[in-house]
Protein backbone atom coordinates (compact mmCIF):
# COMPACT_ATOMS: atom_id res chain seq x y z
CA MET A 1 1.76 6.10 -29.63
CA LYS A 2 2.08 7.88 -26.31
CA ARG A 3 5.29 7.67 -24.72
CA LYS A 4 5.01 9.83 -22.25
CA LEU A 5 3.64 9.00 -18.94
CA SER A 6 1.89 11.44 -16.94
CA LYS A 7 3.60 12.36 -13.60
CA CYS A 8 0.64 10.81 -11.89
CA ALA A 9 1.08 7.64 -13.44
CA LEU A 10 4.53 7.55 -12.41
CA MET A 11 3.47 8.87 -8.92
CA ARG A 12 1.12 6.11 -8.99
CA LEU A 13 3.48 3.64 -10.38
CA ASN A 14 6.22 4.20 -7.45
CA ALA A 15 3.41 4.57 -4.69
CA LYS A 16 3.38 0.90 -5.33
CA LYS A 17 7.02 0.11 -4.82
CA PRO A 18 8.85 3.58 -3.63
CA LEU A 19 12.13 4.17 -5.34
CA THR A 20 13.88 7.76 -5.82
CA GLN A 21 14.55 9.15 -9.18
CA GLU A 22 18.18 7.87 -8.75
CA GLU A 23 17.22 4.28 -8.48
CA VAL A 24 14.66 4.81 -11.49
CA ALA A 25 17.19 6.07 -13.62
CA GLU A 26 20.05 3.97 -12.77
CA LYS A 27 17.72 1.34 -13.84
CA LEU A 28 17.11 2.89 -16.93
CA ASN A 29 20.91 3.48 -17.75
CA MET A 30 20.78 7.11 -17.44
CA ASN A 31 21.41 9.87 -15.24
CA ARG A 32 18.69 11.27 -12.90
CA ASN A 33 18.33 14.79 -14.52
CA THR A 34 17.33 13.02 -18.00
CA TYR A 35 14.78 10.93 -16.01
CA ALA A 36 13.43 13.92 -14.05
CA LYS A 37 12.74 15.59 -17.48
CA LYS A 38 10.80 12.37 -18.52
CA GLU A 39 8.61 12.00 -15.34
CA LYS A 40 7.65 15.68 -16.46
CA GLY A 41 6.71 14.98 -19.69
CA GLU A 42 9.37 17.36 -20.72
CA ALA A 43 10.99 14.18 -23.30
CA GLU A 44 9.49 10.95 -23.76
CA PHE A 45 10.02 7.79 -22.45
CA THR A 46 11.87 4.97 -25.39
CA LEU A 47 9.90 1.40 -25.90
CA SER A 48 12.46 0.03 -24.55
CA GLU A 49 12.38 2.11 -21.00
CA LEU A 50 8.69 1.27 -21.12
CA ARG A 51 9.31 -1.82 -21.14
CA ILE A 52 11.94 -1.84 -18.26
CA LEU A 53 9.67 0.60 -16.24
CA ALA A 54 6.80 -2.49 -16.84
CA LYS A 55 9.09 -4.77 -15.11
CA LEU A 56 10.59 -2.65 -12.85
CA PHE A 57 6.78 -1.72 -11.35
CA ASP A 58 5.20 -4.52 -12.17
CA VAL A 59 2.45 -3.95 -14.42
CA LYS A 60 1.83 -4.66 -18.03
CA PHE A 61 3.21 -2.95 -20.57
CA SER A 62 0.55 -2.52 -23.05
CA ASP A 63 -0.73 -0.21 -20.07
CA PHE A 64 1.75 2.15 -21.27
CA ILE A 65 0.75 2.34 -24.94
CA GLU A 66 -1.93 4.54 -26.45
CA ASN A 67 -3.46 3.60 -29.16
């Protein structure tokens, strides 16, 4: 199961609902540097973080899961 989102995918989501890294990080209860690493693919998102991102950007959670 893949839990890394490509930077391109996050940019597309953010284009729908523009938020700063700081705003997204706050929603995920992490600091901006940690979010930036995950955004760059240097670290993986947890399933609970993906659920929060899905709600935040109004997309299906299943869109983040790769079989």
